[in-house]
């Protein structure tokens, strides 16, 4: 039998073909597609509801993106003593969680094209006085921060559960996420001691007060939180706390509309029990309050004048002072607490008073009268 002589270059070519067919390396096991656990699971009682919040995973435990909506299993039930996860799961109630879709990102090729186009545009803009490199980097950081916030909001969930069935005992809340084949990475748990709900503040009534908006309401609770916002705003801001059913908002300012809401609170261990918020009331405070009455008026005769001085009024919205002689106004809009009356004659008797005026035109009571006879 004759041997076939295969040239060395041919053998090299065959090896290259085999290598290109993917036969090198050990075979990889199939991906489990098991979603990561939820993050930041928390629970708080607000009135007759238990508010549960958490953030859903974006990837599997292998670091792969979640492509299809997973099954989110959320349960609540009393915690067995001693703790037994299987017993808790068997006796717990499943809570529906709204379906969701994974947040899609542009394909890599599209991102590359976008960067390439941006580079060309940057060159053109730079030649015509566009954004500098530093401005572009700042814009990129702002975009990245906005994208992170949007992703967090997209994957965040808030679920309200009726608390009545768990009042007076600890409730264990668990959440886990199933992949397409039912696999999961385990439960995430949080425990909440459910207490009788606090009363919702009723009849929240705002009214004008000196340099403030006075709020009062009715509710039997140990403490209250007060919230405020502009009518066009979406988010509320807590502006104070009170142990009484009343509060003075000294930062509102006059002439602008505000919305107010109040909730009852009570500390329970390391957590706070909160009521549902009161109904919203809208109020536009008006300055109906005159400044303080000036004091310490002094009148001294000069060579051809009578010099007046008094204690300054400290009202924040003070506009100025008025001077009266014999009940007739002789000066207005004075910025300083002094005045020189030059329209005087020897031998005449004069009676002076001063008042303070605020920016809304409210005038204080006149000061105590001071008399003098010009020599």
Protein backbone atom coordinates (compact mmCIF):
# COMPACT_ATOMS: atom_id res chain seq x y z
CA UNK A 1 0.00 0.00 0.00
CA UNK A 2 1.34 3.39 -0.94
CA UNK A 3 1.30 6.23 1.61
CA UNK A 4 -0.23 9.52 0.65
CA UNK A 5 2.18 12.37 1.09
CA UNK A 6 0.27 15.43 2.32
CA UNK A 7 2.18 18.70 2.01
CA UNK A 8 2.79 20.54 5.30
CA UNK A 9 0.94 23.68 4.15
CA UNK A 10 -2.19 21.59 3.55
CA UNK A 11 -2.08 20.18 7.10
CA UNK A 12 -1.82 23.71 8.48
CA UNK A 13 -4.86 24.77 6.49
CA UNK A 14 -6.91 21.82 7.80
CA UNK A 15 -5.92 22.70 11.39
CA UNK A 16 -6.99 26.28 10.83
CA UNK A 17 -10.39 25.19 9.49
CA UNK A 18 -10.99 22.89 12.47
CA UNK A 19 -10.00 25.65 14.86
CA UNK A 20 -12.45 28.04 13.21
CA UNK A 21 -15.31 25.58 13.68
CA UNK A 22 -15.34 26.12 17.46
CA UNK A 23 -13.98 22.75 18.59
CA UNK A 24 -11.37 24.26 20.94
CA UNK A 25 -12.06 24.54 24.72
CA UNK A 26 -14.38 22.69 27.09
CA UNK A 27 -18.17 22.81 26.46
CA UNK A 28 -20.10 25.34 28.59
CA UNK A 29 -23.19 24.38 30.67
CA UNK A 30 -26.47 26.06 29.74
CA UNK A 31 -27.33 29.28 31.58
CA UNK A 32 -29.66 28.83 34.57
CA UNK A 33 -31.34 32.22 33.92
CA UNK A 34 -31.94 32.59 37.66
CA UNK A 35 -32.77 36.25 38.54
CA UNK A 36 -30.89 37.96 41.33
CA UNK A 37 -32.74 38.74 44.56
CA UNK A 38 -34.72 41.97 44.99
CA UNK A 39 -32.89 44.87 46.65
CA UNK A 40 -33.82 47.39 49.35
CA UNK A 41 -36.88 45.48 50.58
CA UNK A 42 -38.66 47.59 53.23
CA UNK A 43 -42.09 47.78 54.87
CA UNK A 44 -43.87 50.54 56.78
CA UNK A 45 -47.36 50.83 58.19
CA UNK A 46 -49.37 53.83 57.03
CA UNK A 47 -52.88 53.93 58.42
CA UNK A 48 -54.73 50.73 57.55
CA UNK A 49 -52.17 49.73 54.90
CA UNK A 50 -48.72 48.14 54.89
CA UNK A 51 -46.55 49.81 52.24
CA UNK A 52 -43.90 47.46 50.85
CA UNK A 53 -41.12 48.78 48.60
CA UNK A 54 -38.31 47.00 46.77
CA UNK A 55 -36.18 47.15 43.62
CA UNK A 56 -36.40 44.34 41.06
CA UNK A 57 -33.26 42.77 39.59
CA UNK A 58 -32.01 43.65 36.11
CA UNK A 59 -29.72 40.64 35.70
CA UNK A 60 -29.46 36.95 36.46
CA UNK A 61 -26.97 35.49 38.93
CA UNK A 62 -24.71 34.82 35.92
CA UNK A 63 -24.70 38.52 35.01
CA UNK A 64 -26.99 38.09 31.99
CA UNK A 65 -29.72 40.70 31.33
CA UNK A 66 -33.28 39.60 32.11
CA UNK A 67 -34.96 39.55 28.71
CA UNK A 68 -38.48 38.38 29.59
CA UNK A 69 -40.82 39.51 32.38
CA UNK A 70 -40.12 37.22 35.36
CA UNK A 71 -42.65 35.86 37.83
CA UNK A 72 -42.53 37.97 41.02
CA UNK A 73 -43.70 36.02 44.05
CA UNK A 74 -44.59 38.17 47.05
CA UNK A 75 -46.06 36.70 50.24
CA UNK A 76 -47.10 37.90 53.70
CA UNK A 77 -47.92 35.87 56.78
CA UNK A 78 -47.31 35.55 60.52
CA UNK A 79 -43.82 34.35 61.42
CA UNK A 80 -43.74 30.87 63.06
CA UNK A 81 -41.88 30.63 66.37
CA UNK A 82 -39.36 29.10 66.00
CA UNK A 83 -38.84 30.31 62.45
CA UNK A 84 -39.65 27.76 59.76
CA UNK A 85 -39.53 29.03 56.19
CA UNK A 86 -41.53 26.14 54.74
CA UNK A 87 -44.27 26.57 57.35
CA UNK A 88 -44.38 30.32 56.73
CA UNK A 89 -44.63 29.84 52.95
CA UNK A 90 -47.42 27.28 53.32
CA UNK A 91 -49.55 29.52 55.56
CA UNK A 92 -48.79 32.87 53.93
CA UNK A 93 -50.92 34.87 51.51
CA UNK A 94 -49.62 35.61 48.02
CA UNK A 95 -49.87 39.27 47.05
CA UNK A 96 -50.20 40.16 43.35
CA UNK A 97 -47.40 42.28 41.90
CA UNK A 98 -48.13 44.16 38.65
CA UNK A 99 -46.46 42.78 35.54
CA UNK A 100 -43.49 44.64 34.16
CA UNK A 101 -41.22 44.73 31.15
CA UNK A 102 -37.40 44.81 31.27
CA UNK A 103 -35.97 48.22 30.44
CA UNK A 104 -34.52 48.01 26.93
CA UNK A 105 -31.24 49.66 25.98
CA UNK A 106 -30.11 50.52 22.42
CA UNK A 107 -28.17 47.77 20.60
CA UNK A 108 -24.38 48.06 20.78
CA UNK A 109 -24.14 48.91 17.07
CA UNK A 110 -26.60 51.75 17.50
CA UNK A 111 -24.62 53.09 20.45
CA UNK A 112 -21.43 52.95 18.40
CA UNK A 113 -23.09 54.81 15.53
CA UNK A 114 -24.46 57.37 17.98
CA UNK A 115 -21.00 57.99 19.46
CA UNK A 116 -19.50 58.27 15.99
CA UNK A 117 -22.15 60.78 14.92
CA UNK A 118 -21.70 62.71 18.15
CA UNK A 119 -17.99 62.95 17.46
CA UNK A 120 -18.60 64.38 14.00
CA UNK A 121 -21.16 66.83 15.36
CA UNK A 122 -18.78 67.87 18.13
CA UNK A 123 -16.16 68.72 15.55
CA UNK A 124 -18.59 70.78 13.52
CA UNK A 125 -20.00 72.51 16.60
CA UNK A 126 -16.53 73.18 17.97
CA UNK A 127 -15.61 75.00 14.82
CA UNK A 128 -18.68 77.23 15.18
CA UNK A 129 -18.44 77.93 18.91
CA UNK A 130 -20.37 74.90 20.28
CA UNK A 131 -19.90 73.06 23.61
CA UNK A 132 -16.38 72.76 24.93
CA UNK A 133 -14.87 69.41 25.88
CA UNK A 134 -15.44 70.19 29.58
CA UNK A 135 -19.10 71.04 28.90
CA UNK A 136 -19.53 67.79 26.98
CA UNK A 137 -18.03 65.78 29.83
CA UNK A 138 -20.31 67.55 32.31
CA UNK A 139 -23.35 66.83 30.12
CA UNK A 140 -22.30 63.18 29.88
CA UNK A 141 -22.10 62.91 33.68
CA UNK A 142 -25.52 64.51 34.07
CA UNK A 143 -26.97 62.12 31.48
CA UNK A 144 -25.45 59.12 33.29
CA UNK A 145 -26.90 60.30 36.61
CA UNK A 146 -30.33 60.82 35.03
CA UNK A 147 -30.16 57.37 33.43
CA UNK A 148 -29.33 55.76 36.79
CA UNK A 149 -32.24 57.53 38.47
CA UNK A 150 -34.62 56.53 35.66
CA UNK A 151 -33.53 52.88 35.87
CA UNK A 152 -34.04 52.87 39.63
CA UNK A 153 -37.52 54.34 39.21
CA UNK A 154 -38.35 51.84 36.45
CA UNK A 155 -37.43 48.81 38.57
CA UNK A 156 -38.82 50.13 41.88
CA UNK A 157 -42.10 48.72 43.15
CA UNK A 158 -44.47 49.90 45.88
CA UNK A 159 -47.25 47.54 46.95
CA UNK A 160 -50.01 48.35 49.49
CA UNK A 161 -51.37 45.48 51.63
CA UNK A 162 -54.44 45.60 53.88
CA UNK A 163 -53.09 45.49 57.45
CA UNK A 164 -56.31 44.47 59.23
CA UNK A 165 -55.60 40.72 59.18
CA UNK A 166 -52.18 41.20 60.83
CA UNK A 167 -52.97 43.82 63.48
CA UNK A 168 -51.36 43.05 66.82
CA UNK A 169 -48.73 40.59 65.57
CA UNK A 170 -45.51 40.53 63.53
CA UNK A 171 -45.96 39.99 59.81
CA UNK A 172 -43.18 38.49 57.70
CA UNK A 173 -43.07 39.71 54.09
CA UNK A 174 -41.02 37.83 51.51
CA UNK A 175 -40.26 38.46 47.85
CA UNK A 176 -38.45 36.33 45.30
CA UNK A 177 -38.17 36.39 41.51
CA UNK A 178 -38.55 33.32 39.26
CA UNK A 179 -36.79 32.92 35.94
CA UNK A 180 -38.33 31.43 32.76
CA UNK A 181 -37.76 27.86 34.04
CA UNK A 182 -38.98 28.60 37.56
CA UNK A 183 -35.52 28.92 39.10
CA UNK A 184 -34.88 31.60 41.75
CA UNK A 185 -32.08 32.82 44.01
CA UNK A 186 -34.13 32.65 47.21
CA UNK A 187 -36.33 34.87 49.35
CA UNK A 188 -35.70 38.37 50.62
CA UNK A 189 -37.48 39.02 53.93
CA UNK A 190 -38.62 41.93 56.09
CA UNK A 191 -40.60 41.77 59.35
CA UNK A 192 -43.07 44.40 60.56
CA UNK A 193 -44.97 44.57 63.84
CA UNK A 194 -48.46 45.63 62.75
CA UNK A 195 -50.21 47.93 65.25
CA UNK A 196 -53.72 49.42 65.45
CA UNK A 197 -53.84 52.29 62.95
CA UNK A 198 -53.49 55.89 64.11
CA UNK A 199 -56.34 58.35 63.49
CA UNK A 200 -56.15 60.48 60.37
CA UNK A 201 -56.02 64.22 61.22
CA UNK A 202 -59.34 65.86 60.41
CA UNK A 203 -60.49 69.44 59.77
CA UNK A 204 -57.08 70.88 58.94
CA UNK A 205 -57.68 74.62 59.04
CA UNK A 206 -55.13 77.27 57.99
CA UNK A 207 -55.39 80.92 59.01
CA UNK A 208 -53.33 84.09 58.85
CA UNK A 209 -50.95 84.77 61.73
CA UNK A 210 -48.25 87.35 62.29
CA UNK A 211 -45.34 86.33 60.02
CA UNK A 212 -46.76 82.80 59.71
CA UNK A 213 -49.57 80.50 58.61
CA UNK A 214 -51.31 78.99 61.63
CA UNK A 215 -52.57 75.42 61.16
CA UNK A 216 -54.85 73.49 63.49
CA UNK A 217 -56.65 70.15 63.23
CA UNK A 218 -58.31 67.44 65.31
CA UNK A 219 -56.79 64.00 66.08
CA UNK A 220 -55.78 62.10 69.21
CA UNK A 221 -52.17 61.12 68.52
CA UNK A 222 -48.86 61.59 70.35
CA UNK A 223 -47.16 63.43 67.48
CA UNK A 224 -47.81 64.89 64.04
CA UNK A 225 -45.85 65.62 60.86
CA UNK A 226 -46.75 68.62 58.72
CA UNK A 227 -46.23 68.67 54.95
CA UNK A 228 -46.37 71.49 52.41
CA UNK A 229 -46.04 71.98 48.64
CA UNK A 230 -46.89 74.38 45.84
CA UNK A 231 -50.11 73.53 43.98
CA UNK A 232 -48.14 72.81 40.78
CA UNK A 233 -45.57 70.56 42.52
CA UNK A 234 -45.85 66.79 42.67
CA UNK A 235 -43.75 66.11 45.77
CA UNK A 236 -44.50 67.07 49.37
CA UNK A 237 -41.90 68.45 51.79
CA UNK A 238 -42.07 67.87 55.52
CA UNK A 239 -41.78 71.29 57.16
CA UNK A 240 -42.14 70.38 60.81
CA UNK A 241 -43.40 68.22 63.66
CA UNK A 242 -45.71 68.96 66.57
CA UNK A 243 -46.88 67.23 69.73
CA UNK A 244 -50.04 69.37 69.65
CA UNK A 245 -52.76 69.52 66.97
CA UNK A 246 -51.45 72.91 65.81
CA UNK A 247 -48.41 74.33 64.00
CA UNK A 248 -47.14 77.71 62.79
CA UNK A 249 -45.47 77.76 59.36
CA UNK A 250 -43.09 80.72 59.63
CA UNK A 251 -41.48 80.16 56.21
CA UNK A 252 -44.51 80.45 53.92
CA UNK A 253 -44.37 84.17 53.16
CA UNK A 254 -47.38 86.24 52.18
CA UNK A 255 -49.18 86.25 48.84
CA UNK A 256 -48.31 82.76 47.53
CA UNK A 257 -50.63 79.74 47.50
CA UNK A 258 -49.59 76.65 49.48
CA UNK A 259 -51.09 73.20 49.99
CA UNK A 260 -50.92 71.54 53.43
CA UNK A 261 -51.39 67.99 54.71
CA UNK A 262 -50.85 66.40 58.14
CA UNK A 263 -50.27 62.85 59.38
CA UNK A 264 -50.31 61.29 62.85
CA UNK A 265 -47.18 59.40 63.96
CA UNK A 266 -46.05 57.29 66.90
CA UNK A 267 -42.67 55.71 67.52
CA UNK A 268 -42.76 51.93 67.84
CA UNK A 269 -39.31 50.64 68.74
CA UNK A 270 -36.89 51.71 66.02
CA UNK A 271 -39.68 52.36 63.52
CA UNK A 272 -42.49 54.89 63.20
CA UNK A 273 -46.17 54.13 62.86
CA UNK A 274 -47.80 56.58 60.45
CA UNK A 275 -51.43 57.38 59.74
CA UNK A 276 -52.81 58.10 56.32
CA UNK A 277 -52.40 61.72 55.30
CA UNK A 278 -55.16 64.21 55.94
CA UNK A 279 -57.05 65.80 53.10
CA UNK A 280 -55.22 68.57 51.27
CA UNK A 281 -56.07 72.18 52.07
CA UNK A 282 -54.96 75.15 49.94
CA UNK A 283 -54.31 78.54 51.47
CA UNK A 284 -52.88 81.88 50.33
CA UNK A 285 -51.65 83.81 53.37
CA UNK A 286 -52.33 87.53 53.47
CA UNK A 287 -50.51 90.15 55.52
CA UNK A 288 -53.24 91.54 57.75
CA UNK A 289 -50.94 92.46 60.63
CA UNK A 290 -49.52 95.89 61.32
CA UNK A 291 -45.91 96.29 62.51
CA UNK A 292 -45.09 96.79 66.15
CA UNK A 293 -45.79 100.20 67.63
CA UNK A 294 -42.67 102.41 67.70
CA UNK A 295 -41.36 103.20 71.16
CA UNK A 296 -38.87 105.57 72.77
CA UNK A 297 -39.80 108.72 70.83
CA UNK A 298 -37.55 111.63 71.77
CA UNK A 299 -37.92 115.29 70.63
CA UNK A 300 -35.16 117.85 71.10
CA UNK A 301 -35.18 121.49 70.05
CA UNK A 302 -32.30 122.65 67.88
CA UNK A 303 -31.31 126.12 66.70
CA UNK A 304 -34.05 126.21 64.07
CA UNK A 305 -35.29 122.63 64.01
CA UNK A 306 -36.84 119.99 66.22
CA UNK A 307 -34.95 116.67 66.08
CA UNK A 308 -36.92 113.42 66.49
CA UNK A 309 -35.57 109.91 67.11
CA UNK A 310 -37.12 106.60 68.24
CA UNK A 311 -36.39 102.89 68.61
CA UNK A 312 -36.26 100.94 65.35
CA UNK A 313 -39.03 98.45 64.61
CA UNK A 314 -37.71 94.96 63.81
CA UNK A 315 -40.53 93.56 61.64
CA UNK A 316 -39.06 91.73 58.63
CA UNK A 317 -41.44 93.40 56.16
CA UNK A 318 -41.03 96.94 57.48
CA UNK A 319 -41.40 99.52 54.69
CA UNK A 320 -40.79 102.75 56.67
CA UNK A 321 -42.06 105.25 59.20
CA UNK A 322 -44.55 108.13 59.30
CA UNK A 323 -44.31 111.26 61.44
CA UNK A 324 -47.36 113.15 62.76
CA UNK A 325 -47.43 116.66 64.22
CA UNK A 326 -50.60 117.73 65.93
CA UNK A 327 -52.33 114.70 64.38
CA UNK A 328 -51.35 115.69 60.82
CA UNK A 329 -48.92 113.55 58.83
CA UNK A 330 -45.82 115.57 57.93
CA UNK A 331 -43.45 112.80 56.75
CA UNK A 332 -43.85 109.35 55.18
CA UNK A 333 -41.64 106.51 53.95
CA UNK A 334 -38.74 107.25 56.29
CA UNK A 335 -36.15 104.46 56.16
CA UNK A 336 -34.37 105.45 59.39
CA UNK A 337 -35.79 106.05 62.85
CA UNK A 338 -34.89 109.77 62.83
CA UNK A 339 -36.47 112.96 61.50
CA UNK A 340 -35.62 116.66 61.49
CA UNK A 341 -38.60 119.02 61.48
CA UNK A 342 -37.40 122.29 59.94
CA UNK A 343 -40.85 123.90 59.58
CA UNK A 344 -41.00 125.26 63.10
CA UNK A 345 -41.24 128.78 64.63
CA UNK A 346 -40.10 130.15 67.94
CA UNK A 347 -42.73 130.22 70.67
CA UNK A 348 -44.88 127.51 69.07
CA UNK A 349 -45.98 124.36 70.85
CA UNK A 350 -45.82 121.03 68.99
CA UNK A 351 -47.06 117.47 69.66
CA UNK A 352 -45.34 114.60 67.77
CA UNK A 353 -46.12 110.92 67.15
CA UNK A 354 -44.61 108.29 64.81
CA UNK A 355 -45.92 105.04 63.30
CA UNK A 356 -44.48 102.11 61.34
CA UNK A 357 -45.79 100.84 57.98
CA UNK A 358 -45.14 97.42 56.40
CA UNK A 359 -44.86 96.47 52.74
CA UNK A 360 -48.56 95.59 52.56
CA UNK A 361 -49.51 99.09 53.72
CA UNK A 362 -50.53 98.04 57.23
CA UNK A 363 -49.85 100.85 59.71
CA UNK A 364 -49.02 100.35 63.36
CA UNK A 365 -50.54 102.26 66.24
CA UNK A 366 -48.95 105.64 66.71
CA UNK A 367 -46.32 106.02 69.38
CA UNK A 368 -46.91 107.79 72.65
CA UNK A 369 -47.09 111.56 72.04
CA UNK A 370 -44.19 113.82 72.90
CA UNK A 371 -44.67 117.63 73.32
CA UNK A 372 -42.23 120.48 73.01
CA UNK A 373 -42.33 124.30 72.90
CA UNK A 374 -39.87 125.96 70.53
CA UNK A 375 -37.94 128.69 72.36
